[in-house]
């Protein structure tokens, strides 16, 4: 890492990347499964959904969501009672034949998916049976718990996120991963869903921004957004529908404090105080954001003469830290 804020964010970004070998293995297995299911006459095509598909997943890779577009000749039987479970049984038969060591629904039996554990992979596949709708992007996905087929616009979501990523020069998905890393290590925010943070970013970032600028803008937006319903990027689902008033208030307070610290780091970065900015970002985000170099006593004394003190307690020559180095006198002279 170099001593610039941009350098620290580049190192942070690199640390969040999925293992390239695992990513390629997932893509290859996706292609293999597609080929087998199409050849067996069960599917006409497949596509990936979820954070792996949108490239917003944090490492380690844990699961890959794969939607199976079932052959139209199966529609009648799949819409009958027991149809969703029957679809999963048909898929299981093909996968078992091609991968004799595969296990099913070991860790979980998701309502919408057949979970597959492959002996040669450290992550699972969730195979989601679905039927096409008349709308080219809409599918109806199986729900074996409720024995229904549910409307889904997951392909629309994939397209919208991809389009926004292109509009930001490919930075958007990286910035979403950074947000997810922040929330993952925060006790209060960890239980919020990952798509919520994609929604915050989608509203706040519409063009090319440096990572520090983007995160500061998203946190400031999020602090206000959590007080009202937050729709997913397609504008359909309220991702906060089950929140209580107390939860909204707690999230708003936490995010407002984070936004203030991010703004402080941006001010210091603008004044060339990169080490101080990095220290704030590390304190705010935690690992794996790089740590700043420690400040020597001599450096602190020089800065205290005319600068300010940051929220992490570092003395800087800039006047844009959290508080001035020399507090104002509380009395007046005559």
C-alpha atoms as a PDB file:
ATOM      1  CA  UNK A   1       0.000   0.000   0.000  1.00  0.00           C
ATOM      2  CA  UNK A   2       1.264   3.513  -0.777  1.00  0.00           C
ATOM      3  CA  UNK A   3       0.589   6.406   1.586  1.00  0.00           C
ATOM      4  CA  UNK A   4      -2.374   7.863  -0.330  1.00  0.00           C
ATOM      5  CA  UNK A   5      -6.024   7.379   0.489  1.00  0.00           C
ATOM      6  CA  UNK A   6      -6.624   6.081  -3.031  1.00  0.00           C
ATOM      7  CA  UNK A   7      -3.858   3.550  -2.486  1.00  0.00           C
ATOM      8  CA  UNK A   8      -5.451   2.364   0.735  1.00  0.00           C
ATOM      9  CA  UNK A   9      -8.808   1.919  -0.963  1.00  0.00           C
ATOM     10  CA  UNK A  10      -7.161   0.004  -3.807  1.00  0.00           C
ATOM     11  CA  UNK A  11      -5.609  -2.373  -1.286  1.00  0.00           C
ATOM     12  CA  UNK A  12      -8.962  -2.675   0.488  1.00  0.00           C
ATOM     13  CA  UNK A  13     -10.688  -3.456  -2.792  1.00  0.00           C
ATOM     14  CA  UNK A  14      -8.134  -6.123  -3.668  1.00  0.00           C
ATOM     15  CA  UNK A  15      -8.563  -7.755  -0.274  1.00  0.00           C
ATOM     16  CA  UNK A  16     -12.323  -8.115  -0.861  1.00  0.00           C
ATOM     17  CA  UNK A  17     -12.060  -9.892  -4.204  1.00  0.00           C
ATOM     18  CA  UNK A  18     -13.285 -13.465  -4.473  1.00  0.00           C
ATOM     19  CA  UNK A  19     -10.639 -16.120  -4.950  1.00  0.00           C
ATOM     20  CA  UNK A  20     -10.130 -16.177  -8.755  1.00  0.00           C
ATOM     21  CA  UNK A  21      -9.773 -19.973  -8.827  1.00  0.00           C
ATOM     22  CA  UNK A  22     -13.092 -20.400  -7.000  1.00  0.00           C
ATOM     23  CA  UNK A  23     -14.771 -17.866  -9.264  1.00  0.00           C
ATOM     24  CA  UNK A  24     -13.663 -19.727 -12.401  1.00  0.00           C
ATOM     25  CA  UNK A  25     -14.691 -23.059 -10.859  1.00  0.00           C
ATOM     26  CA  UNK A  26     -18.166 -21.672 -10.161  1.00  0.00           C
ATOM     27  CA  UNK A  27     -18.533 -20.384 -13.707  1.00  0.00           C
ATOM     28  CA  UNK A  28     -17.381 -23.694 -15.181  1.00  0.00           C
ATOM     29  CA  UNK A  29     -19.730 -25.716 -12.980  1.00  0.00           C
ATOM     30  CA  UNK A  30     -22.593 -23.406 -13.944  1.00  0.00           C
ATOM     31  CA  UNK A  31     -21.895 -24.133 -17.618  1.00  0.00           C
ATOM     32  CA  UNK A  32     -21.685 -27.884 -16.991  1.00  0.00           C
ATOM     33  CA  UNK A  33     -24.973 -28.014 -15.071  1.00  0.00           C
ATOM     34  CA  UNK A  34     -26.679 -25.983 -17.787  1.00  0.00           C
ATOM     35  CA  UNK A  35     -25.459 -28.361 -20.476  1.00  0.00           C
ATOM     36  CA  UNK A  36     -26.614 -31.459 -18.584  1.00  0.00           C
ATOM     37  CA  UNK A  37     -30.078 -30.099 -17.790  1.00  0.00           C
ATOM     38  CA  UNK A  38     -30.649 -28.873 -21.344  1.00  0.00           C
ATOM     39  CA  UNK A  39     -29.471 -32.186 -22.837  1.00  0.00           C
ATOM     40  CA  UNK A  40     -31.822 -34.039 -20.486  1.00  0.00           C
ATOM     41  CA  UNK A  41     -34.741 -31.996 -21.761  1.00  0.00           C
ATOM     42  CA  UNK A  42     -35.477 -30.419 -18.379  1.00  0.00           C
ATOM     43  CA  UNK A  43     -34.306 -26.877 -19.096  1.00  0.00           C
ATOM     44  CA  UNK A  44     -34.122 -24.488 -22.015  1.00  0.00           C
ATOM     45  CA  UNK A  45     -31.487 -22.296 -20.352  1.00  0.00           C
ATOM     46  CA  UNK A  46     -30.205 -21.076 -16.991  1.00  0.00           C
ATOM     47  CA  UNK A  47     -28.933 -17.847 -15.491  1.00  0.00           C
ATOM     48  CA  UNK A  48     -27.219 -16.802 -12.289  1.00  0.00           C
ATOM     49  CA  UNK A  49     -28.812 -14.555  -9.704  1.00  0.00           C
ATOM     50  CA  UNK A  50     -27.822 -13.144  -6.339  1.00  0.00           C
ATOM     51  CA  UNK A  51     -24.679 -11.326  -5.298  1.00  0.00           C
ATOM     52  CA  UNK A  52     -22.375 -13.706  -7.171  1.00  0.00           C
ATOM     53  CA  UNK A  53     -24.176 -12.907 -10.412  1.00  0.00           C
ATOM     54  CA  UNK A  54     -24.152  -9.166  -9.694  1.00  0.00           C
ATOM     55  CA  UNK A  55     -20.460  -9.291  -8.660  1.00  0.00           C
ATOM     56  CA  UNK A  56     -21.227  -7.780  -5.256  1.00  0.00           C
ATOM     57  CA  UNK A  57     -20.405 -10.870  -3.180  1.00  0.00           C
ATOM     58  CA  UNK A  58     -17.799 -10.720  -0.424  1.00  0.00           C
ATOM     59  CA  UNK A  59     -15.315 -13.533  -0.059  1.00  0.00           C
ATOM     60  CA  UNK A  60     -15.314 -16.327   0.763  1.00  0.00           C
ATOM     61  CA  UNK A  61     -17.597 -17.723  -1.904  1.00  0.00           C
ATOM     62  CA  UNK A  62     -20.259 -19.687  -0.030  1.00  0.00           C
ATOM     63  CA  UNK A  63     -23.035 -20.330  -2.509  1.00  0.00           C
ATOM     64  CA  UNK A  64     -24.023 -19.744  -6.113  1.00  0.00           C
ATOM     65  CA  UNK A  65     -27.691 -19.115  -6.982  1.00  0.00           C
ATOM     66  CA  UNK A  66     -28.643 -20.580 -10.340  1.00  0.00           C
ATOM     67  CA  UNK A  67     -32.110 -20.230 -11.885  1.00  0.00           C
ATOM     68  CA  UNK A  68     -33.188 -23.178 -14.041  1.00  0.00           C
ATOM     69  CA  UNK A  69     -35.600 -22.135 -16.784  1.00  0.00           C
ATOM     70  CA  UNK A  70     -37.602 -25.351 -17.055  1.00  0.00           C
ATOM     71  CA  UNK A  71     -38.747 -26.640 -20.440  1.00  0.00           C
ATOM     72  CA  UNK A  72     -42.239 -25.362 -21.416  1.00  0.00           C
ATOM     73  CA  UNK A  73     -43.459 -28.947 -21.889  1.00  0.00           C
ATOM     74  CA  UNK A  74     -43.187 -29.333 -18.083  1.00  0.00           C
ATOM     75  CA  UNK A  75     -45.283 -26.268 -17.279  1.00  0.00           C
ATOM     76  CA  UNK A  76     -48.584 -28.088 -16.825  1.00  0.00           C
ATOM     77  CA  UNK A  77     -47.226 -30.602 -14.321  1.00  0.00           C
ATOM     78  CA  UNK A  78     -45.149 -28.003 -12.478  1.00  0.00           C
ATOM     79  CA  UNK A  79     -48.228 -25.839 -11.935  1.00  0.00           C
ATOM     80  CA  UNK A  80     -50.134 -28.712 -10.364  1.00  0.00           C
ATOM     81  CA  UNK A  81     -50.036 -29.471  -6.607  1.00  0.00           C
ATOM     82  CA  UNK A  82     -46.595 -30.840  -5.755  1.00  0.00           C
ATOM     83  CA  UNK A  83     -45.133 -29.299  -8.914  1.00  0.00           C
ATOM     84  CA  UNK A  84     -42.275 -27.302  -7.295  1.00  0.00           C
ATOM     85  CA  UNK A  85     -41.042 -30.333  -5.331  1.00  0.00           C
ATOM     86  CA  UNK A  86     -41.376 -32.483  -8.449  1.00  0.00           C
ATOM     87  CA  UNK A  87     -39.194 -30.034 -10.399  1.00  0.00           C
ATOM     88  CA  UNK A  88     -36.484 -30.344  -7.788  1.00  0.00           C
ATOM     89  CA  UNK A  89     -36.673 -34.144  -7.896  1.00  0.00           C
ATOM     90  CA  UNK A  90     -36.207 -34.106 -11.673  1.00  0.00           C
ATOM     91  CA  UNK A  91     -33.178 -31.834 -11.360  1.00  0.00           C
ATOM     92  CA  UNK A  92     -31.760 -34.000  -8.589  1.00  0.00           C
ATOM     93  CA  UNK A  93     -31.942 -37.108 -10.765  1.00  0.00           C
ATOM     94  CA  UNK A  94     -29.866 -35.510 -13.528  1.00  0.00           C
ATOM     95  CA  UNK A  95     -27.297 -34.026 -11.144  1.00  0.00           C
ATOM     96  CA  UNK A  96     -26.954 -37.357  -9.274  1.00  0.00           C
ATOM     97  CA  UNK A  97     -26.270 -39.169 -12.543  1.00  0.00           C
ATOM     98  CA  UNK A  98     -23.575 -36.711 -13.620  1.00  0.00           C
ATOM     99  CA  UNK A  99     -22.091 -36.154 -10.142  1.00  0.00           C
ATOM    100  CA  UNK A 100     -22.505 -39.385  -8.119  1.00  0.00           C
ATOM    101  CA  UNK A 101     -20.792 -37.846  -5.078  1.00  0.00           C
ATOM    102  CA  UNK A 102     -23.127 -34.838  -4.941  1.00  0.00           C
ATOM    103  CA  UNK A 103     -25.198 -34.343  -1.793  1.00  0.00           C
ATOM    104  CA  UNK A 104     -28.491 -32.486  -1.539  1.00  0.00           C
ATOM    105  CA  UNK A 105     -30.005 -30.141   1.055  1.00  0.00           C
ATOM    106  CA  UNK A 106     -27.206 -30.885   3.537  1.00  0.00           C
ATOM    107  CA  UNK A 107     -26.850 -27.471   5.173  1.00  0.00           C
ATOM    108  CA  UNK A 108     -30.321 -26.242   4.347  1.00  0.00           C
ATOM    109  CA  UNK A 109     -33.420 -27.086   2.323  1.00  0.00           C
ATOM    110  CA  UNK A 110     -34.312 -23.665   0.893  1.00  0.00           C
ATOM    111  CA  UNK A 111     -37.915 -23.137  -0.113  1.00  0.00           C
ATOM    112  CA  UNK A 112     -36.953 -21.911  -3.566  1.00  0.00           C
ATOM    113  CA  UNK A 113     -33.944 -24.065  -4.336  1.00  0.00           C
ATOM    114  CA  UNK A 114     -32.386 -27.494  -4.365  1.00  0.00           C
ATOM    115  CA  UNK A 115     -29.089 -27.077  -2.501  1.00  0.00           C
ATOM    116  CA  UNK A 116     -26.252 -29.104  -4.041  1.00  0.00           C
ATOM    117  CA  UNK A 117     -22.941 -29.834  -2.350  1.00  0.00           C
ATOM    118  CA  UNK A 118     -20.237 -31.041  -4.746  1.00  0.00           C
ATOM    119  CA  UNK A 119     -17.322 -33.088  -3.442  1.00  0.00           C
ATOM    120  CA  UNK A 120     -14.755 -31.035  -5.362  1.00  0.00           C
ATOM    121  CA  UNK A 121     -16.030 -27.566  -4.423  1.00  0.00           C
ATOM    122  CA  UNK A 122     -15.925 -25.630  -1.159  1.00  0.00           C
ATOM    123  CA  UNK A 123     -19.170 -23.826  -1.935  1.00  0.00           C
ATOM    124  CA  UNK A 124     -22.700 -24.940  -2.709  1.00  0.00           C
ATOM    125  CA  UNK A 125     -25.064 -24.377  -5.625  1.00  0.00           C
ATOM    126  CA  UNK A 126     -28.713 -23.434  -5.080  1.00  0.00           C
ATOM    127  CA  UNK A 127     -30.660 -24.643  -8.129  1.00  0.00           C
ATOM    128  CA  UNK A 128     -33.924 -22.706  -8.478  1.00  0.00           C
ATOM    129  CA  UNK A 129     -36.562 -24.196 -10.833  1.00  0.00           C
ATOM    130  CA  UNK A 130     -38.492 -21.529 -12.713  1.00  0.00           C
ATOM    131  CA  UNK A 131     -40.948 -21.027 -15.555  1.00  0.00           C
ATOM    132  CA  UNK A 132     -40.777 -18.160 -18.012  1.00  0.00           C
ATOM    133  CA  UNK A 133     -43.523 -15.548 -18.051  1.00  0.00           C
ATOM    134  CA  UNK A 134     -44.737 -13.614 -21.080  1.00  0.00           C
ATOM    135  CA  UNK A 135     -42.535 -10.694 -20.056  1.00  0.00           C
ATOM    136  CA  UNK A 136     -39.042 -11.506 -21.280  1.00  0.00           C
ATOM    137  CA  UNK A 137     -37.370 -10.742 -17.936  1.00  0.00           C
ATOM    138  CA  UNK A 138     -39.928 -12.154 -15.519  1.00  0.00           C
ATOM    139  CA  UNK A 139     -39.852 -15.731 -14.227  1.00  0.00           C
ATOM    140  CA  UNK A 140     -41.969 -17.699 -11.775  1.00  0.00           C
ATOM    141  CA  UNK A 141     -39.732 -19.495  -9.305  1.00  0.00           C
ATOM    142  CA  UNK A 142     -40.638 -22.647  -7.404  1.00  0.00           C
ATOM    143  CA  UNK A 143     -41.509 -22.560  -3.710  1.00  0.00           C
ATOM    144  CA  UNK A 144     -41.643 -26.102  -2.354  1.00  0.00           C
ATOM    145  CA  UNK A 145     -42.652 -25.000   1.160  1.00  0.00           C
ATOM    146  CA  UNK A 146     -45.802 -23.216   0.001  1.00  0.00           C
ATOM    147  CA  UNK A 147     -46.220 -25.390  -3.114  1.00  0.00           C
ATOM    148  CA  UNK A 148     -46.486 -22.383  -5.404  1.00  0.00           C
ATOM    149  CA  UNK A 149     -44.683 -20.570  -8.217  1.00  0.00           C
ATOM    150  CA  UNK A 150     -43.740 -17.011  -7.237  1.00  0.00           C
ATOM    151  CA  UNK A 151     -43.286 -13.983  -9.505  1.00  0.00           C
ATOM    152  CA  UNK A 152     -39.669 -12.789  -9.675  1.00  0.00           C
ATOM    153  CA  UNK A 153     -37.920  -9.912 -11.459  1.00  0.00           C
ATOM    154  CA  UNK A 154     -34.413 -11.086 -10.566  1.00  0.00           C
ATOM    155  CA  UNK A 155     -33.247 -10.715 -14.170  1.00  0.00           C
ATOM    156  CA  UNK A 156     -34.360  -7.091 -14.139  1.00  0.00           C
ATOM    157  CA  UNK A 157     -32.283  -6.557 -11.008  1.00  0.00           C
ATOM    158  CA  UNK A 158     -29.257  -8.148 -12.679  1.00  0.00           C
ATOM    159  CA  UNK A 159     -29.640  -5.838 -15.671  1.00  0.00           C
ATOM    160  CA  UNK A 160     -30.131  -2.678 -13.612  1.00  0.00           C
ATOM    161  CA  UNK A 161     -27.051  -3.296 -11.476  1.00  0.00           C
ATOM    162  CA  UNK A 162     -24.953  -4.149 -14.538  1.00  0.00           C
ATOM    163  CA  UNK A 163     -26.070  -0.946 -16.264  1.00  0.00           C
ATOM    164  CA  UNK A 164     -25.229   1.178 -13.225  1.00  0.00           C
ATOM    165  CA  UNK A 165     -21.845  -0.516 -12.930  1.00  0.00           C
ATOM    166  CA  UNK A 166     -21.067   0.411 -16.518  1.00  0.00           C
ATOM    167  CA  UNK A 167     -22.163   4.008 -15.887  1.00  0.00           C
ATOM    168  CA  UNK A 168     -19.689   4.260 -13.000  1.00  0.00           C
ATOM    169  CA  UNK A 169     -16.741   2.933 -14.960  1.00  0.00           C
ATOM    170  CA  UNK A 170     -16.984  -0.474 -13.297  1.00  0.00           C
ATOM    171  CA  UNK A 171     -16.590   0.944  -9.790  1.00  0.00           C
ATOM    172  CA  UNK A 172     -20.121   0.454  -8.504  1.00  0.00           C
ATOM    173  CA  UNK A 173     -19.884  -3.245  -7.631  1.00  0.00           C
ATOM    174  CA  UNK A 174     -16.547  -2.656  -5.895  1.00  0.00           C
ATOM    175  CA  UNK A 175     -18.068   0.110  -3.786  1.00  0.00           C
ATOM    176  CA  UNK A 176     -21.015  -2.108  -2.863  1.00  0.00           C
ATOM    177  CA  UNK A 177     -18.598  -4.779  -1.644  1.00  0.00           C
ATOM    178  CA  UNK A 178     -16.861  -2.158   0.491  1.00  0.00           C
ATOM    179  CA  UNK A 179     -20.202  -1.220   2.057  1.00  0.00           C
ATOM    180  CA  UNK A 180     -21.004  -4.848   2.726  1.00  0.00           C
ATOM    181  CA  UNK A 181     -17.628  -5.250   4.421  1.00  0.00           C
ATOM    182  CA  UNK A 182     -18.427  -2.251   6.620  1.00  0.00           C
ATOM    183  CA  UNK A 183     -21.835  -3.588   7.638  1.00  0.00           C
ATOM    184  CA  UNK A 184     -20.535  -7.135   8.129  1.00  0.00           C
ATOM    185  CA  UNK A 185     -18.253  -6.053  10.970  1.00  0.00           C
ATOM    186  CA  UNK A 186     -20.799  -3.741  12.592  1.00  0.00           C
ATOM    187  CA  UNK A 187     -22.865  -5.432  15.333  1.00  0.00           C
ATOM    188  CA  UNK A 188     -25.987  -3.349  14.739  1.00  0.00           C
ATOM    189  CA  UNK A 189     -25.925  -3.422  10.934  1.00  0.00           C
ATOM    190  CA  UNK A 190     -24.764  -6.979  10.302  1.00  0.00           C
ATOM    191  CA  UNK A 191     -28.284  -8.425  10.219  1.00  0.00           C
ATOM    192  CA  UNK A 192     -29.436  -6.078   7.447  1.00  0.00           C
ATOM    193  CA  UNK A 193     -29.666  -7.722   4.031  1.00  0.00           C
ATOM    194  CA  UNK A 194     -26.963  -7.225   1.438  1.00  0.00           C
ATOM    195  CA  UNK A 195     -29.407  -5.988  -1.195  1.00  0.00           C
ATOM    196  CA  UNK A 196     -30.287  -3.072   1.100  1.00  0.00           C
ATOM    197  CA  UNK A 197     -26.747  -1.750   0.698  1.00  0.00           C
ATOM    198  CA  UNK A 198     -26.914  -2.150  -3.053  1.00  0.00           C
ATOM    199  CA  UNK A 199     -30.091  -0.066  -2.913  1.00  0.00           C
ATOM    200  CA  UNK A 200     -28.345   2.671  -0.888  1.00  0.00           C
ATOM    201  CA  UNK A 201     -25.484   2.731  -3.375  1.00  0.00           C
ATOM    202  CA  UNK A 202     -27.844   2.695  -6.357  1.00  0.00           C
ATOM    203  CA  UNK A 203     -29.571   5.853  -5.139  1.00  0.00           C
ATOM    204  CA  UNK A 204     -26.403   7.692  -4.124  1.00  0.00           C
ATOM    205  CA  UNK A 205     -23.926   6.849  -6.890  1.00  0.00           C
ATOM    206  CA  UNK A 206     -24.888   7.497 -10.491  1.00  0.00           C
ATOM    207  CA  UNK A 207     -21.518   8.354 -12.027  1.00  0.00           C
ATOM    208  CA  UNK A 208     -17.785   7.831 -11.689  1.00  0.00           C
ATOM    209  CA  UNK A 209     -16.610   8.604  -8.134  1.00  0.00           C
ATOM    210  CA  UNK A 210     -13.458   7.791  -6.202  1.00  0.00           C
ATOM    211  CA  UNK A 211     -14.127   5.094  -3.640  1.00  0.00           C
ATOM    212  CA  UNK A 212     -13.798   7.418  -0.647  1.00  0.00           C
ATOM    213  CA  UNK A 213     -16.159   9.939  -2.221  1.00  0.00           C
ATOM    214  CA  UNK A 214     -18.686   7.235  -3.075  1.00  0.00           C
ATOM    215  CA  UNK A 215     -18.693   5.683   0.401  1.00  0.00           C
ATOM    216  CA  UNK A 216     -19.070   9.083   2.058  1.00  0.00           C
ATOM    217  CA  UNK A 217     -22.003   9.915  -0.238  1.00  0.00           C
ATOM    218  CA  UNK A 218     -23.688   6.544   0.331  1.00  0.00           C
ATOM    219  CA  UNK A 219     -23.393   6.708   4.109  1.00  0.00           C
ATOM    220  CA  UNK A 220     -24.827  10.237   4.146  1.00  0.00           C
ATOM    221  CA  UNK A 221     -27.726   9.081   1.968  1.00  0.00           C
ATOM    222  CA  UNK A 222     -28.301   5.935   4.019  1.00  0.00           C
ATOM    223  CA  UNK A 223     -28.561   7.901   7.275  1.00  0.00           C
ATOM    224  CA  UNK A 224     -31.612   9.684   5.838  1.00  0.00           C
ATOM    225  CA  UNK A 225     -32.987   6.784   3.783  1.00  0.00           C
ATOM    226  CA  UNK A 226     -33.448   4.392   6.707  1.00  0.00           C
ATOM    227  CA  UNK A 227     -36.084   6.625   8.251  1.00  0.00           C
ATOM    228  CA  UNK A 228     -38.521   5.735   5.442  1.00  0.00           C
ATOM    229  CA  UNK A 229     -39.187   2.666   3.250  1.00  0.00           C
ATOM    230  CA  UNK A 230     -36.197   1.642   1.115  1.00  0.00           C
ATOM    231  CA  UNK A 231     -37.074   0.014  -2.196  1.00  0.00           C
ATOM    232  CA  UNK A 232     -34.815  -2.430  -3.981  1.00  0.00           C
ATOM    233  CA  UNK A 233     -33.114  -1.036  -7.124  1.00  0.00           C
ATOM    234  CA  UNK A 234     -35.999  -2.247  -9.314  1.00  0.00           C
ATOM    235  CA  UNK A 235     -38.413  -0.162  -7.252  1.00  0.00           C
ATOM    236  CA  UNK A 236     -40.668  -3.092  -6.340  1.00  0.00           C
ATOM    237  CA  UNK A 237     -39.881  -4.457  -2.872  1.00  0.00           C
ATOM    238  CA  UNK A 238     -39.566  -2.511   0.378  1.00  0.00           C
ATOM    239  CA  UNK A 239     -36.456  -3.987   1.965  1.00  0.00           C
ATOM    240  CA  UNK A 240     -37.332  -2.438   5.334  1.00  0.00           C
ATOM    241  CA  UNK A 241     -40.977  -3.495   5.612  1.00  0.00           C
ATOM    242  CA  UNK A 242     -40.414  -5.445   8.836  1.00  0.00           C
ATOM    243  CA  UNK A 243     -38.393  -2.748  10.620  1.00  0.00           C
ATOM    244  CA  UNK A 244     -39.724  -1.161  13.777  1.00  0.00           C
ATOM    245  CA  UNK A 245     -39.587   2.554  14.510  1.00  0.00           C
ATOM    246  CA  UNK A 246     -36.916   1.894  17.126  1.00  0.00           C
ATOM    247  CA  UNK A 247     -34.768   0.004  14.619  1.00  0.00           C
ATOM    248  CA  UNK A 248     -35.036   2.810  12.075  1.00  0.00           C
ATOM    249  CA  UNK A 249     -33.971   5.309  14.719  1.00  0.00           C
ATOM    250  CA  UNK A 250     -31.001   3.179  15.789  1.00  0.00           C
ATOM    251  CA  UNK A 251     -29.859   2.683  12.199  1.00  0.00           C
ATOM    252  CA  UNK A 252     -30.217   6.392  11.456  1.00  0.00           C
ATOM    253  CA  UNK A 253     -28.146   7.368  14.498  1.00  0.00           C
ATOM    254  CA  UNK A 254     -25.403   4.870  13.676  1.00  0.00           C
ATOM    255  CA  UNK A 255     -25.228   5.806  10.004  1.00  0.00           C
ATOM    256  CA  UNK A 256     -25.268   9.533  10.719  1.00  0.00           C
ATOM    257  CA  UNK A 257     -22.231   9.105  12.972  1.00  0.00           C
ATOM    258  CA  UNK A 258     -20.508   7.056  10.278  1.00  0.00           C
ATOM    259  CA  UNK A 259     -21.331   9.696   7.656  1.00  0.00           C
ATOM    260  CA  UNK A 260     -19.789  12.430   9.799  1.00  0.00           C
ATOM    261  CA  UNK A 261     -16.570  10.459  10.157  1.00  0.00           C
ATOM    262  CA  UNK A 262     -16.485   9.685   6.444  1.00  0.00           C
ATOM    263  CA  UNK A 263     -16.925  13.396   5.708  1.00  0.00           C
ATOM    264  CA  UNK A 264     -14.069  14.182   8.095  1.00  0.00           C
ATOM    265  CA  UNK A 265     -11.839  11.670   6.311  1.00  0.00           C
ATOM    266  CA  UNK A 266     -12.726  13.250   2.976  1.00  0.00           C
ATOM    267  CA  UNK A 267     -11.819  16.725   4.257  1.00  0.00           C
ATOM    268  CA  UNK A 268      -8.471  15.491   5.501  1.00  0.00           C
ATOM    269  CA  UNK A 269      -7.818  13.680   2.238  1.00  0.00           C
ATOM    270  CA  UNK A 270      -8.540  16.943   0.412  1.00  0.00           C
ATOM    271  CA  UNK A 271      -5.937  18.692   2.570  1.00  0.00           C
ATOM    272  CA  UNK A 272      -3.346  16.030   1.811  1.00  0.00           C
ATOM    273  CA  UNK A 273      -3.566  14.467   5.280  1.00  0.00           C
ATOM    274  CA  UNK A 274      -3.749  10.949   3.868  1.00  0.00           C
ATOM    275  CA  UNK A 275      -2.428   9.074   6.880  1.00  0.00           C
ATOM    276  CA  UNK A 276      -5.062  10.691   9.089  1.00  0.00           C
ATOM    277  CA  UNK A 277      -7.779   9.938   6.526  1.00  0.00           C
ATOM    278  CA  UNK A 278      -6.673   6.307   6.274  1.00  0.00           C
ATOM    279  CA  UNK A 279      -6.720   5.999  10.058  1.00  0.00           C
ATOM    280  CA  UNK A 280     -10.326   7.212  10.183  1.00  0.00           C
ATOM    281  CA  UNK A 281     -11.432   4.859   7.411  1.00  0.00           C
ATOM    282  CA  UNK A 282      -9.741   1.915   9.113  1.00  0.00           C
ATOM    283  CA  UNK A 283     -11.348   2.804  12.435  1.00  0.00           C
ATOM    284  CA  UNK A 284     -14.724   3.178  10.731  1.00  0.00           C
ATOM    285  CA  UNK A 285     -14.615   0.128   8.464  1.00  0.00           C
ATOM    286  CA  UNK A 286     -12.249  -2.112  10.378  1.00  0.00           C
ATOM    287  CA  UNK A 287     -10.305  -4.943   8.816  1.00  0.00           C
ATOM    288  CA  UNK A 288      -9.581  -5.556   5.991  1.00  0.00           C
ATOM    289  CA  UNK A 289      -9.097  -1.802   5.400  1.00  0.00           C
ATOM    290  CA  UNK A 290      -5.362  -1.021   5.781  1.00  0.00           C
ATOM    291  CA  UNK A 291      -4.070   0.440   9.011  1.00  0.00           C
ATOM    292  CA  UNK A 292      -2.346   3.824   9.034  1.00  0.00           C
ATOM    293  CA  UNK A 293       1.200   4.334  10.206  1.00  0.00           C
ATOM    294  CA  UNK A 294       1.494   5.279  13.853  1.00  0.00           C
ATOM    295  CA  UNK A 295       2.187   8.916  14.652  1.00  0.00           C
ATOM    296  CA  UNK A 296       5.368   9.780  16.502  1.00  0.00           C
ATOM    297  CA  UNK A 297       5.378  12.120  19.476  1.00  0.00           C
ATOM    298  CA  UNK A 298       7.430  14.664  17.558  1.00  0.00           C
ATOM    299  CA  UNK A 299       4.946  14.651  14.671  1.00  0.00           C
ATOM    300  CA  UNK A 300       2.054  15.108  17.067  1.00  0.00           C
ATOM    301  CA  UNK A 301       3.705  18.062  18.817  1.00  0.00           C
ATOM    302  CA  UNK A 302       4.437  19.819  15.528  1.00  0.00           C
ATOM    303  CA  UNK A 303       0.836  19.372  14.401  1.00  0.00           C
ATOM    304  CA  UNK A 304      -0.594  20.545  17.715  1.00  0.00           C
ATOM    305  CA  UNK A 305       1.041  23.916  17.266  1.00  0.00           C
ATOM    306  CA  UNK A 306      -1.363  25.020  14.549  1.00  0.00           C
ATOM    307  CA  UNK A 307      -3.588  22.167  13.405  1.00  0.00           C
ATOM    308  CA  UNK A 308      -6.460  20.119  14.742  1.00  0.00           C
ATOM    309  CA  UNK A 309      -7.236  16.715  16.238  1.00  0.00           C
ATOM    310  CA  UNK A 310      -9.126  14.031  14.342  1.00  0.00           C
ATOM    311  CA  UNK A 311     -11.866  11.765  15.661  1.00  0.00           C
ATOM    312  CA  UNK A 312      -9.233   9.059  16.146  1.00  0.00           C
ATOM    313  CA  UNK A 313      -7.118  11.379  18.326  1.00  0.00           C
ATOM    314  CA  UNK A 314      -4.409  12.058  15.733  1.00  0.00           C
ATOM    315  CA  UNK A 315      -2.957  15.559  15.584  1.00  0.00           C
ATOM    316  CA  UNK A 316      -2.808  16.973  12.054  1.00  0.00           C
ATOM    317  CA  UNK A 317      -1.553  20.207  10.539  1.00  0.00           C
ATOM    318  CA  UNK A 318      -4.887  20.632   8.748  1.00  0.00           C
ATOM    319  CA  UNK A 319      -7.584  22.718  10.428  1.00  0.00           C
ATOM    320  CA  UNK A 320     -10.233  20.236   9.256  1.00  0.00           C
ATOM    321  CA  UNK A 321     -10.032  17.587  11.953  1.00  0.00           C
ATOM    322  CA  UNK A 322     -12.849  16.963  14.385  1.00  0.00           C
ATOM    323  CA  UNK A 323     -11.725  19.604  16.849  1.00  0.00           C
ATOM    324  CA  UNK A 324      -9.135  22.388  16.968  1.00  0.00           C
ATOM    325  CA  UNK A 325      -5.829  21.616  18.642  1.00  0.00           C
ATOM    326  CA  UNK A 326      -6.152  24.709  20.801  1.00  0.00           C
ATOM    327  CA  UNK A 327      -9.598  25.071  22.442  1.00  0.00           C
ATOM    328  CA  UNK A 328     -11.091  28.536  22.516  1.00  0.00           C
ATOM    329  CA  UNK A 329     -10.958  30.412  25.848  1.00  0.00           C
ATOM    330  CA  UNK A 330     -14.249  30.399  27.730  1.00  0.00           C
ATOM    331  CA  UNK A 331     -13.727  33.886  29.197  1.00  0.00           C
ATOM    332  CA  UNK A 332     -13.191  37.375  27.871  1.00  0.00           C
ATOM    333  CA  UNK A 333     -10.447  39.840  28.731  1.00  0.00           C
ATOM    334  CA  UNK A 334     -11.291  43.429  29.484  1.00  0.00           C
END
